[in-house]
Amino acid sequence: IDRINGISNYPVTGLEFRVTLPDYSPGS
């Protein structure tokens, strides 16, 4: 997990996670 940002606080709580997968080839 590289970064976490809040994206919504109404009507639901929303969190956005930017992540890095070790294998990011198509379909990985």
mmCIF file of all heavy atoms, coordinates in Angstrom:
data_MODEL
# 
_entry.id   MODEL 
# 
loop_
_atom_site.group_PDB 
_atom_site.id 
_atom_site.type_symbol 
_atom_site.label_atom_id 
_atom_site.label_alt_id 
_atom_site.label_comp_id 
_atom_site.label_asym_id 
_atom_site.label_entity_id 
_atom_site.label_seq_id 
_atom_site.pdbx_PDB_ins_code 
_atom_site.Cartn_x 
_atom_site.Cartn_y 
_atom_site.Cartn_z 
_atom_site.occupancy 
_atom_site.B_iso_or_equiv 
_atom_site.pdbx_formal_charge 
_atom_site.auth_seq_id 
_atom_site.auth_comp_id 
_atom_site.auth_asym_id 
_atom_site.auth_atom_id 
_atom_site.pdbx_PDB_model_num 
ATOM 1   N N   . ILE A 1 1  ? 0.863   -1.184  0.000   1.00 0.00 ? 1  ILE A N   1 
ATOM 2   C CA  . ILE A 1 1  ? 0.000   0.000   0.000   1.00 0.00 ? 1  ILE A CA  1 
ATOM 3   C C   . ILE A 1 1  ? 0.898   1.232   0.000   1.00 0.00 ? 1  ILE A C   1 
ATOM 4   O O   . ILE A 1 1  ? 1.642   1.477   0.954   1.00 0.00 ? 1  ILE A O   1 
ATOM 5   C CB  . ILE A 1 1  ? -0.939  0.015   1.223   1.00 0.00 ? 1  ILE A CB  1 
ATOM 6   C CG1 . ILE A 1 1  ? -1.879  -1.192  1.189   1.00 0.00 ? 1  ILE A CG1 1 
ATOM 7   C CG2 . ILE A 1 1  ? -1.742  1.316   1.262   1.00 0.00 ? 1  ILE A CG2 1 
ATOM 8   C CD1 . ILE A 1 1  ? -2.780  -1.304  2.409   1.00 0.00 ? 1  ILE A CD1 1 
ATOM 9   N N   . ASP A 1 2  ? 0.837   2.008   -1.084  1.00 0.00 ? 2  ASP A N   1 
ATOM 10  C CA  . ASP A 1 2  ? 1.699   3.179   -1.240  1.00 0.00 ? 2  ASP A CA  1 
ATOM 11  C C   . ASP A 1 2  ? 1.103   4.427   -0.591  1.00 0.00 ? 2  ASP A C   1 
ATOM 12  O O   . ASP A 1 2  ? 1.826   5.252   -0.032  1.00 0.00 ? 2  ASP A O   1 
ATOM 13  C CB  . ASP A 1 2  ? 1.944   3.464   -2.728  1.00 0.00 ? 2  ASP A CB  1 
ATOM 14  C CG  . ASP A 1 2  ? 2.489   2.259   -3.461  1.00 0.00 ? 2  ASP A CG  1 
ATOM 15  O OD1 . ASP A 1 2  ? 3.334   1.550   -2.892  1.00 0.00 ? 2  ASP A OD1 1 
ATOM 16  O OD2 . ASP A 1 2  ? 2.046   2.006   -4.604  1.00 0.00 ? 2  ASP A OD2 1 
ATOM 17  N N   . ARG A 1 3  ? -0.208  4.560   -0.669  1.00 0.00 ? 3  ARG A N   1 
ATOM 18  C CA  . ARG A 1 3  ? -0.844  5.780   -0.167  1.00 0.00 ? 3  ARG A CA  1 
ATOM 19  C C   . ARG A 1 3  ? -2.317  5.514   0.091   1.00 0.00 ? 3  ARG A C   1 
ATOM 20  O O   . ARG A 1 3  ? -2.947  4.727   -0.620  1.00 0.00 ? 3  ARG A O   1 
ATOM 21  C CB  . ARG A 1 3  ? -0.679  6.916   -1.189  1.00 0.00 ? 3  ARG A CB  1 
ATOM 22  C CG  . ARG A 1 3  ? -1.123  8.273   -0.666  1.00 0.00 ? 3  ARG A CG  1 
ATOM 23  C CD  . ARG A 1 3  ? -0.616  9.411   -1.523  1.00 0.00 ? 3  ARG A CD  1 
ATOM 24  N NE  . ARG A 1 3  ? -1.309  9.547   -2.795  1.00 0.00 ? 3  ARG A NE  1 
ATOM 25  C CZ  . ARG A 1 3  ? -0.755  9.362   -3.969  1.00 0.00 ? 3  ARG A CZ  1 
ATOM 26  N NH1 . ARG A 1 3  ? 0.509   8.985   -4.042  1.00 0.00 ? 3  ARG A NH1 1 
ATOM 27  N NH2 . ARG A 1 3  ? -1.425  9.520   -5.087  1.00 0.00 ? 3  ARG A NH2 1 
ATOM 28  N N   . ILE A 1 4  ? -2.866  6.156   1.119   1.00 0.00 ? 4  ILE A N   1 
ATOM 29  C CA  . ILE A 1 4  ? -4.297  6.061   1.432   1.00 0.00 ? 4  ILE A CA  1 
ATOM 30  C C   . ILE A 1 4  ? -4.852  7.476   1.519   1.00 0.00 ? 4  ILE A C   1 
ATOM 31  O O   . ILE A 1 4  ? -4.290  8.328   2.219   1.00 0.00 ? 4  ILE A O   1 
ATOM 32  C CB  . ILE A 1 4  ? -4.554  5.335   2.766   1.00 0.00 ? 4  ILE A CB  1 
ATOM 33  C CG1 . ILE A 1 4  ? -3.879  3.959   2.785   1.00 0.00 ? 4  ILE A CG1 1 
ATOM 34  C CG2 . ILE A 1 4  ? -6.055  5.188   3.009   1.00 0.00 ? 4  ILE A CG2 1 
ATOM 35  C CD1 . ILE A 1 4  ? -3.988  3.252   4.129   1.00 0.00 ? 4  ILE A CD1 1 
ATOM 36  N N   . ASN A 1 5  ? -5.950  7.731   0.814   1.00 0.00 ? 5  ASN A N   1 
ATOM 37  C CA  . ASN A 1 5  ? -6.627  9.029   0.869   1.00 0.00 ? 5  ASN A CA  1 
ATOM 38  C C   . ASN A 1 5  ? -8.107  8.828   1.155   1.00 0.00 ? 5  ASN A C   1 
ATOM 39  O O   . ASN A 1 5  ? -8.713  7.865   0.673   1.00 0.00 ? 5  ASN A O   1 
ATOM 40  C CB  . ASN A 1 5  ? -6.498  9.784   -0.461  1.00 0.00 ? 5  ASN A CB  1 
ATOM 41  C CG  . ASN A 1 5  ? -5.077  10.187  -0.779  1.00 0.00 ? 5  ASN A CG  1 
ATOM 42  O OD1 . ASN A 1 5  ? -4.338  10.628  0.092   1.00 0.00 ? 5  ASN A OD1 1 
ATOM 43  N ND2 . ASN A 1 5  ? -4.690  10.027  -2.032  1.00 0.00 ? 5  ASN A ND2 1 
ATOM 44  N N   . GLY A 1 6  ? -8.681  9.739   1.918   1.00 0.00 ? 6  GLY A N   1 
ATOM 45  C CA  . GLY A 1 6  ? -10.131 9.754   2.058   1.00 0.00 ? 6  GLY A CA  1 
ATOM 46  C C   . GLY A 1 6  ? -10.753 10.323  0.800   1.00 0.00 ? 6  GLY A C   1 
ATOM 47  O O   . GLY A 1 6  ? -10.274 11.323  0.258   1.00 0.00 ? 6  GLY A O   1 
ATOM 48  N N   . ILE A 1 7  ? -11.821 9.672   0.294   1.00 0.00 ? 7  ILE A N   1 
ATOM 49  C CA  . ILE A 1 7  ? -12.455 10.137  -0.933  1.00 0.00 ? 7  ILE A CA  1 
ATOM 50  C C   . ILE A 1 7  ? -13.919 10.510  -0.713  1.00 0.00 ? 7  ILE A C   1 
ATOM 51  O O   . ILE A 1 7  ? -14.522 11.200  -1.520  1.00 0.00 ? 7  ILE A O   1 
ATOM 52  C CB  . ILE A 1 7  ? -12.312 9.075   -2.051  1.00 0.00 ? 7  ILE A CB  1 
ATOM 53  C CG1 . ILE A 1 7  ? -12.602 9.690   -3.419  1.00 0.00 ? 7  ILE A CG1 1 
ATOM 54  C CG2 . ILE A 1 7  ? -13.178 7.861   -1.784  1.00 0.00 ? 7  ILE A CG2 1 
ATOM 55  C CD1 . ILE A 1 7  ? -12.239 8.791   -4.580  1.00 0.00 ? 7  ILE A CD1 1 
ATOM 56  N N   . SER A 1 8  ? -14.500 10.048  0.396   1.00 0.00 ? 8  SER A N   1 
ATOM 57  C CA  . SER A 1 8  ? -15.895 10.366  0.674   1.00 0.00 ? 8  SER A CA  1 
ATOM 58  C C   . SER A 1 8  ? -16.156 10.267  2.175   1.00 0.00 ? 8  SER A C   1 
ATOM 59  O O   . SER A 1 8  ? -15.636 9.376   2.845   1.00 0.00 ? 8  SER A O   1 
ATOM 60  C CB  . SER A 1 8  ? -16.826 9.395   -0.065  1.00 0.00 ? 8  SER A CB  1 
ATOM 61  O OG  . SER A 1 8  ? -18.167 9.500   0.409   1.00 0.00 ? 8  SER A OG  1 
ATOM 62  N N   . ASN A 1 9  ? -16.977 11.198  2.680   1.00 0.00 ? 9  ASN A N   1 
ATOM 63  C CA  . ASN A 1 9  ? -17.437 11.096  4.058   1.00 0.00 ? 9  ASN A CA  1 
ATOM 64  C C   . ASN A 1 9  ? -18.958 11.174  4.149   1.00 0.00 ? 9  ASN A C   1 
ATOM 65  O O   . ASN A 1 9  ? -19.524 11.338  5.229   1.00 0.00 ? 9  ASN A O   1 
ATOM 66  C CB  . ASN A 1 9  ? -16.797 12.184  4.936   1.00 0.00 ? 9  ASN A CB  1 
ATOM 67  C CG  . ASN A 1 9  ? -17.083 13.596  4.433   1.00 0.00 ? 9  ASN A CG  1 
ATOM 68  O OD1 . ASN A 1 9  ? -17.910 13.811  3.547   1.00 0.00 ? 9  ASN A OD1 1 
ATOM 69  N ND2 . ASN A 1 9  ? -16.386 14.567  4.996   1.00 0.00 ? 9  ASN A ND2 1 
ATOM 70  N N   . TYR A 1 10 ? -19.645 11.033  2.980   1.00 0.00 ? 10 TYR A N   1 
ATOM 71  C CA  . TYR A 1 10 ? -21.097 11.088  2.951   1.00 0.00 ? 10 TYR A CA  1 
ATOM 72  C C   . TYR A 1 10 ? -21.584 10.674  1.566   1.00 0.00 ? 10 TYR A C   1 
ATOM 73  O O   . TYR A 1 10 ? -20.990 11.089  0.581   1.00 0.00 ? 10 TYR A O   1 
ATOM 74  C CB  . TYR A 1 10 ? -21.563 12.526  3.252   1.00 0.00 ? 10 TYR A CB  1 
ATOM 75  C CG  . TYR A 1 10 ? -23.059 12.726  3.215   1.00 0.00 ? 10 TYR A CG  1 
ATOM 76  C CD1 . TYR A 1 10 ? -23.843 12.355  4.301   1.00 0.00 ? 10 TYR A CD1 1 
ATOM 77  C CD2 . TYR A 1 10 ? -23.679 13.270  2.102   1.00 0.00 ? 10 TYR A CD2 1 
ATOM 78  C CE1 . TYR A 1 10 ? -25.212 12.536  4.264   1.00 0.00 ? 10 TYR A CE1 1 
ATOM 79  C CE2 . TYR A 1 10 ? -25.045 13.449  2.069   1.00 0.00 ? 10 TYR A CE2 1 
ATOM 80  C CZ  . TYR A 1 10 ? -25.810 13.088  3.149   1.00 0.00 ? 10 TYR A CZ  1 
ATOM 81  O OH  . TYR A 1 10 ? -27.165 13.268  3.123   1.00 0.00 ? 10 TYR A OH  1 
ATOM 82  N N   . PRO A 1 11 ? -22.594 9.826   1.437   1.00 0.00 ? 11 PRO A N   1 
ATOM 83  C CA  . PRO A 1 11 ? -23.361 9.141   2.480   1.00 0.00 ? 11 PRO A CA  1 
ATOM 84  C C   . PRO A 1 11 ? -22.678 7.887   3.005   1.00 0.00 ? 11 PRO A C   1 
ATOM 85  O O   . PRO A 1 11 ? -23.202 7.220   3.887   1.00 0.00 ? 11 PRO A O   1 
ATOM 86  C CB  . PRO A 1 11 ? -24.656 8.797   1.747   1.00 0.00 ? 11 PRO A CB  1 
ATOM 87  C CG  . PRO A 1 11 ? -24.220 8.543   0.342   1.00 0.00 ? 11 PRO A CG  1 
ATOM 88  C CD  . PRO A 1 11 ? -23.123 9.529   0.086   1.00 0.00 ? 11 PRO A CD  1 
ATOM 89  N N   . VAL A 1 12 ? -21.514 7.545   2.420   1.00 0.00 ? 12 VAL A N   1 
ATOM 90  C CA  . VAL A 1 12 ? -20.703 6.438   2.923   1.00 0.00 ? 12 VAL A CA  1 
ATOM 91  C C   . VAL A 1 12 ? -19.290 6.962   3.142   1.00 0.00 ? 12 VAL A C   1 
ATOM 92  O O   . VAL A 1 12 ? -18.897 7.994   2.593   1.00 0.00 ? 12 VAL A O   1 
ATOM 93  C CB  . VAL A 1 12 ? -20.677 5.246   1.934   1.00 0.00 ? 12 VAL A CB  1 
ATOM 94  C CG1 . VAL A 1 12 ? -22.045 4.615   1.797   1.00 0.00 ? 12 VAL A CG1 1 
ATOM 95  C CG2 . VAL A 1 12 ? -20.124 5.675   0.571   1.00 0.00 ? 12 VAL A CG2 1 
ATOM 96  N N   . THR A 1 13 ? -18.529 6.258   3.950   1.00 0.00 ? 13 THR A N   1 
ATOM 97  C CA  . THR A 1 13 ? -17.111 6.560   4.095   1.00 0.00 ? 13 THR A CA  1 
ATOM 98  C C   . THR A 1 13 ? -16.365 5.886   2.954   1.00 0.00 ? 13 THR A C   1 
ATOM 99  O O   . THR A 1 13 ? -16.556 4.695   2.691   1.00 0.00 ? 13 THR A O   1 
ATOM 100 C CB  . THR A 1 13 ? -16.569 6.048   5.438   1.00 0.00 ? 13 THR A CB  1 
ATOM 101 O OG1 . THR A 1 13 ? -17.257 6.716   6.496   1.00 0.00 ? 13 THR A OG1 1 
ATOM 102 C CG2 . THR A 1 13 ? -15.075 6.316   5.563   1.00 0.00 ? 13 THR A CG2 1 
ATOM 103 N N   . GLY A 1 14 ? -15.530 6.645   2.268   1.00 0.00 ? 14 GLY A N   1 
ATOM 104 C CA  . GLY A 1 14 ? -14.775 6.103   1.148   1.00 0.00 ? 14 GLY A CA  1 
ATOM 105 C C   . GLY A 1 14 ? -13.286 6.325   1.323   1.00 0.00 ? 14 GLY A C   1 
ATOM 106 O O   . GLY A 1 14 ? -12.854 7.442   1.642   1.00 0.00 ? 14 GLY A O   1 
ATOM 107 N N   . LEU A 1 15 ? -12.507 5.270   1.166   1.00 0.00 ? 15 LEU A N   1 
ATOM 108 C CA  . LEU A 1 15 ? -11.054 5.355   1.243   1.00 0.00 ? 15 LEU A CA  1 
ATOM 109 C C   . LEU A 1 15 ? -10.463 4.849   -0.061  1.00 0.00 ? 15 LEU A C   1 
ATOM 110 O O   . LEU A 1 15 ? -10.909 3.834   -0.596  1.00 0.00 ? 15 LEU A O   1 
ATOM 111 C CB  . LEU A 1 15 ? -10.508 4.512   2.403   1.00 0.00 ? 15 LEU A CB  1 
ATOM 112 C CG  . LEU A 1 15 ? -11.028 4.847   3.802   1.00 0.00 ? 15 LEU A CG  1 
ATOM 113 C CD1 . LEU A 1 15 ? -10.455 3.874   4.825   1.00 0.00 ? 15 LEU A CD1 1 
ATOM 114 C CD2 . LEU A 1 15 ? -10.683 6.284   4.181   1.00 0.00 ? 15 LEU A CD2 1 
ATOM 115 N N   . GLU A 1 16 ? -9.459  5.554   -0.564  1.00 0.00 ? 16 GLU A N   1 
ATOM 116 C CA  . GLU A 1 16 ? -8.793  5.171   -1.803  1.00 0.00 ? 16 GLU A CA  1 
ATOM 117 C C   . GLU A 1 16 ? -7.368  4.728   -1.483  1.00 0.00 ? 16 GLU A C   1 
ATOM 118 O O   . GLU A 1 16 ? -6.586  5.482   -0.900  1.00 0.00 ? 16 GLU A O   1 
ATOM 119 C CB  . GLU A 1 16 ? -8.772  6.348   -2.775  1.00 0.00 ? 16 GLU A CB  1 
ATOM 120 C CG  . GLU A 1 16 ? -8.169  6.019   -4.129  1.00 0.00 ? 16 GLU A CG  1 
ATOM 121 C CD  . GLU A 1 16 ? -8.162  7.226   -5.055  1.00 0.00 ? 16 GLU A CD  1 
ATOM 122 O OE1 . GLU A 1 16 ? -7.262  8.083   -4.903  1.00 0.00 ? 16 GLU A OE1 1 
ATOM 123 O OE2 . GLU A 1 16 ? -9.063  7.325   -5.910  1.00 0.00 ? 16 GLU A OE2 1 
ATOM 124 N N   . PHE A 1 17 ? -7.051  3.488   -1.854  1.00 0.00 ? 17 PHE A N   1 
ATOM 125 C CA  . PHE A 1 17 ? -5.737  2.911   -1.607  1.00 0.00 ? 17 PHE A CA  1 
ATOM 126 C C   . PHE A 1 17 ? -4.988  2.802   -2.932  1.00 0.00 ? 17 PHE A C   1 
ATOM 127 O O   . PHE A 1 17 ? -5.480  2.171   -3.870  1.00 0.00 ? 17 PHE A O   1 
ATOM 128 C CB  . PHE A 1 17 ? -5.856  1.503   -1.002  1.00 0.00 ? 17 PHE A CB  1 
ATOM 129 C CG  . PHE A 1 17 ? -6.598  1.435   0.302   1.00 0.00 ? 17 PHE A CG  1 
ATOM 130 C CD1 . PHE A 1 17 ? -7.986  1.516   0.331   1.00 0.00 ? 17 PHE A CD1 1 
ATOM 131 C CD2 . PHE A 1 17 ? -5.920  1.283   1.500   1.00 0.00 ? 17 PHE A CD2 1 
ATOM 132 C CE1 . PHE A 1 17 ? -8.679  1.454   1.534   1.00 0.00 ? 17 PHE A CE1 1 
ATOM 133 C CE2 . PHE A 1 17 ? -6.602  1.213   2.704   1.00 0.00 ? 17 PHE A CE2 1 
ATOM 134 C CZ  . PHE A 1 17 ? -7.980  1.301   2.716   1.00 0.00 ? 17 PHE A CZ  1 
ATOM 135 N N   . ARG A 1 18 ? -3.818  3.403   -2.994  1.00 0.00 ? 18 ARG A N   1 
ATOM 136 C CA  . ARG A 1 18 ? -2.950  3.193   -4.155  1.00 0.00 ? 18 ARG A CA  1 
ATOM 137 C C   . ARG A 1 18 ? -1.957  2.102   -3.777  1.00 0.00 ? 18 ARG A C   1 
ATOM 138 O O   . ARG A 1 18 ? -1.250  2.218   -2.769  1.00 0.00 ? 18 ARG A O   1 
ATOM 139 C CB  . ARG A 1 18 ? -2.244  4.494   -4.551  1.00 0.00 ? 18 ARG A CB  1 
ATOM 140 C CG  . ARG A 1 18 ? -3.219  5.513   -5.119  1.00 0.00 ? 18 ARG A CG  1 
ATOM 141 C CD  . ARG A 1 18 ? -2.537  6.695   -5.755  1.00 0.00 ? 18 ARG A CD  1 
ATOM 142 N NE  . ARG A 1 18 ? -3.515  7.495   -6.487  1.00 0.00 ? 18 ARG A NE  1 
ATOM 143 C CZ  . ARG A 1 18 ? -3.845  7.317   -7.748  1.00 0.00 ? 18 ARG A CZ  1 
ATOM 144 N NH1 . ARG A 1 18 ? -3.236  6.367   -8.444  1.00 0.00 ? 18 ARG A NH1 1 
ATOM 145 N NH2 . ARG A 1 18 ? -4.747  8.075   -8.334  1.00 0.00 ? 18 ARG A NH2 1 
ATOM 146 N N   . VAL A 1 19 ? -1.929  1.048   -4.583  1.00 0.00 ? 19 VAL A N   1 
ATOM 147 C CA  . VAL A 1 19 ? -1.134  -0.121  -4.237  1.00 0.00 ? 19 VAL A CA  1 
ATOM 148 C C   . VAL A 1 19 ? -0.246  -0.524  -5.408  1.00 0.00 ? 19 VAL A C   1 
ATOM 149 O O   . VAL A 1 19 ? -0.520  -0.187  -6.565  1.00 0.00 ? 19 VAL A O   1 
ATOM 150 C CB  . VAL A 1 19 ? -2.030  -1.310  -3.828  1.00 0.00 ? 19 VAL A CB  1 
ATOM 151 C CG1 . VAL A 1 19 ? -2.958  -0.923  -2.689  1.00 0.00 ? 19 VAL A CG1 1 
ATOM 152 C CG2 . VAL A 1 19 ? -2.843  -1.815  -5.014  1.00 0.00 ? 19 VAL A CG2 1 
ATOM 153 N N   . THR A 1 20 ? 0.812   -1.252  -5.085  1.00 0.00 ? 20 THR A N   1 
ATOM 154 C CA  . THR A 1 20 ? 1.712   -1.785  -6.094  1.00 0.00 ? 20 THR A CA  1 
ATOM 155 C C   . THR A 1 20 ? 1.746   -3.302  -5.986  1.00 0.00 ? 20 THR A C   1 
ATOM 156 O O   . THR A 1 20 ? 2.074   -3.835  -4.918  1.00 0.00 ? 20 THR A O   1 
ATOM 157 C CB  . THR A 1 20 ? 3.135   -1.229  -5.917  1.00 0.00 ? 20 THR A CB  1 
ATOM 158 O OG1 . THR A 1 20 ? 3.097   0.199   -6.027  1.00 0.00 ? 20 THR A OG1 1 
ATOM 159 C CG2 . THR A 1 20 ? 4.073   -1.789  -6.988  1.00 0.00 ? 20 THR A CG2 1 
ATOM 160 N N   . LEU A 1 21 ? 1.365   -3.965  -7.070  1.00 0.00 ? 21 LEU A N   1 
ATOM 161 C CA  . LEU A 1 21 ? 1.468   -5.417  -7.125  1.00 0.00 ? 21 LEU A CA  1 
ATOM 162 C C   . LEU A 1 21 ? 2.832   -5.799  -7.670  1.00 0.00 ? 21 LEU A C   1 
ATOM 163 O O   . LEU A 1 21 ? 3.348   -5.141  -8.580  1.00 0.00 ? 21 LEU A O   1 
ATOM 164 C CB  . LEU A 1 21 ? 0.382   -6.004  -8.022  1.00 0.00 ? 21 LEU A CB  1 
ATOM 165 C CG  . LEU A 1 21 ? -1.082  -5.763  -7.629  1.00 0.00 ? 21 LEU A CG  1 
ATOM 166 C CD1 . LEU A 1 21 ? -2.005  -6.523  -8.567  1.00 0.00 ? 21 LEU A CD1 1 
ATOM 167 C CD2 . LEU A 1 21 ? -1.334  -6.168  -6.197  1.00 0.00 ? 21 LEU A CD2 1 
ATOM 168 N N   . PRO A 1 22 ? 3.451   -6.851  -7.131  1.00 0.00 ? 22 PRO A N   1 
ATOM 169 C CA  . PRO A 1 22 ? 4.789   -7.230  -7.598  1.00 0.00 ? 22 PRO A CA  1 
ATOM 170 C C   . PRO A 1 22 ? 4.817   -7.652  -9.056  1.00 0.00 ? 22 PRO A C   1 
ATOM 171 O O   . PRO A 1 22 ? 5.819   -7.478  -9.733  1.00 0.00 ? 22 PRO A O   1 
ATOM 172 C CB  . PRO A 1 22 ? 5.162   -8.388  -6.666  1.00 0.00 ? 22 PRO A CB  1 
ATOM 173 C CG  . PRO A 1 22 ? 3.860   -8.913  -6.151  1.00 0.00 ? 22 PRO A CG  1 
ATOM 174 C CD  . PRO A 1 22 ? 2.958   -7.725  -6.060  1.00 0.00 ? 22 PRO A CD  1 
ATOM 175 N N   . ASP A 1 23 ? 3.698   -8.212  -9.547  1.00 0.00 ? 23 ASP A N   1 
ATOM 176 C CA  . ASP A 1 23 ? 3.592   -8.600  -10.955 1.00 0.00 ? 23 ASP A CA  1 
ATOM 177 C C   . ASP A 1 23 ? 2.427   -7.838  -11.547 1.00 0.00 ? 23 ASP A C   1 
ATOM 178 O O   . ASP A 1 23 ? 1.274   -8.134  -11.265 1.00 0.00 ? 23 ASP A O   1 
ATOM 179 C CB  . ASP A 1 23 ? 3.359   -10.112 -11.079 1.00 0.00 ? 23 ASP A CB  1 
ATOM 180 C CG  . ASP A 1 23 ? 3.061   -10.530 -12.529 1.00 0.00 ? 23 ASP A CG  1 
ATOM 181 O OD1 . ASP A 1 23 ? 3.372   -9.733  -13.441 1.00 0.00 ? 23 ASP A OD1 1 
ATOM 182 O OD2 . ASP A 1 23 ? 2.516   -11.629 -12.722 1.00 0.00 ? 23 ASP A OD2 1 
ATOM 183 N N   . TYR A 1 24 ? 2.709   -6.809  -12.367 1.00 0.00 ? 24 TYR A N   1 
ATOM 184 C CA  . TYR A 1 24 ? 1.613   -6.016  -12.910 1.00 0.00 ? 24 TYR A CA  1 
ATOM 185 C C   . TYR A 1 24 ? 1.507   -6.166  -14.422 1.00 0.00 ? 24 TYR A C   1 
ATOM 186 O O   . TYR A 1 24 ? 1.172   -5.238  -15.142 1.00 0.00 ? 24 TYR A O   1 
ATOM 187 C CB  . TYR A 1 24 ? 1.727   -4.533  -12.523 1.00 0.00 ? 24 TYR A CB  1 
ATOM 188 C CG  . TYR A 1 24 ? 3.032   -3.854  -12.838 1.00 0.00 ? 24 TYR A CG  1 
ATOM 189 C CD1 . TYR A 1 24 ? 3.223   -3.192  -14.045 1.00 0.00 ? 24 TYR A CD1 1 
ATOM 190 C CD2 . TYR A 1 24 ? 4.063   -3.858  -11.912 1.00 0.00 ? 24 TYR A CD2 1 
ATOM 191 C CE1 . TYR A 1 24 ? 4.414   -2.543  -14.321 1.00 0.00 ? 24 TYR A CE1 1 
ATOM 192 C CE2 . TYR A 1 24 ? 5.270   -3.220  -12.184 1.00 0.00 ? 24 TYR A CE2 1 
ATOM 193 C CZ  . TYR A 1 24 ? 5.435   -2.562  -13.378 1.00 0.00 ? 24 TYR A CZ  1 
ATOM 194 O OH  . TYR A 1 24 ? 6.624   -1.929  -13.636 1.00 0.00 ? 24 TYR A OH  1 
ATOM 195 N N   . SER A 1 25 ? 1.769   -7.377  -14.886 1.00 0.00 ? 25 SER A N   1 
ATOM 196 C CA  . SER A 1 25 ? 1.524   -7.694  -16.287 1.00 0.00 ? 25 SER A CA  1 
ATOM 197 C C   . SER A 1 25 ? 0.021   -7.818  -16.505 1.00 0.00 ? 25 SER A C   1 
ATOM 198 O O   . SER A 1 25 ? -0.743  -7.979  -15.550 1.00 0.00 ? 25 SER A O   1 
ATOM 199 C CB  . SER A 1 25 ? 2.213   -9.004  -16.660 1.00 0.00 ? 25 SER A CB  1 
ATOM 200 O OG  . SER A 1 25 ? 1.771   -10.057 -15.834 1.00 0.00 ? 25 SER A OG  1 
ATOM 201 N N   . PRO A 1 26 ? -0.462  -7.710  -17.770 1.00 0.00 ? 26 PRO A N   1 
ATOM 202 C CA  . PRO A 1 26 ? -1.902  -7.803  -18.035 1.00 0.00 ? 26 PRO A CA  1 
ATOM 203 C C   . PRO A 1 26 ? -2.519  -9.065  -17.425 1.00 0.00 ? 26 PRO A C   1 
ATOM 204 O O   . PRO A 1 26 ? -2.005  -10.164 -17.588 1.00 0.00 ? 26 PRO A O   1 
ATOM 205 C CB  . PRO A 1 26 ? -1.968  -7.835  -19.566 1.00 0.00 ? 26 PRO A CB  1 
ATOM 206 C CG  . PRO A 1 26 ? -0.741  -7.091  -20.003 1.00 0.00 ? 26 PRO A CG  1 
ATOM 207 C CD  . PRO A 1 26 ? 0.320   -7.443  -18.993 1.00 0.00 ? 26 PRO A CD  1 
ATOM 208 N N   . GLY A 1 27 ? -3.610  -8.868  -16.679 1.00 0.00 ? 27 GLY A N   1 
ATOM 209 C CA  . GLY A 1 27 ? -4.304  -9.992  -16.069 1.00 0.00 ? 27 GLY A CA  1 
ATOM 210 C C   . GLY A 1 27 ? -3.743  -10.422 -14.735 1.00 0.00 ? 27 GLY A C   1 
ATOM 211 O O   . GLY A 1 27 ? -4.284  -11.323 -14.083 1.00 0.00 ? 27 GLY A O   1 
ATOM 212 N N   . SER A 1 28 ? -2.660  -9.756  -14.291 1.00 0.00 ? 28 SER A N   1 
ATOM 213 C CA  . SER A 1 28 ? -2.007  -10.187 -13.059 1.00 0.00 ? 28 SER A CA  1 
ATOM 214 C C   . SER A 1 28 ? -2.862  -9.932  -11.829 1.00 0.00 ? 28 SER A C   1 
ATOM 215 O O   . SER A 1 28 ? -2.636  -10.537 -10.785 1.00 0.00 ? 28 SER A O   1 
ATOM 216 C CB  . SER A 1 28 ? -0.658  -9.473  -12.907 1.00 0.00 ? 28 SER A CB  1 
ATOM 217 O OG  . SER A 1 28 ? -0.844  -8.064  -12.813 1.00 0.00 ? 28 SER A OG  1 
# 
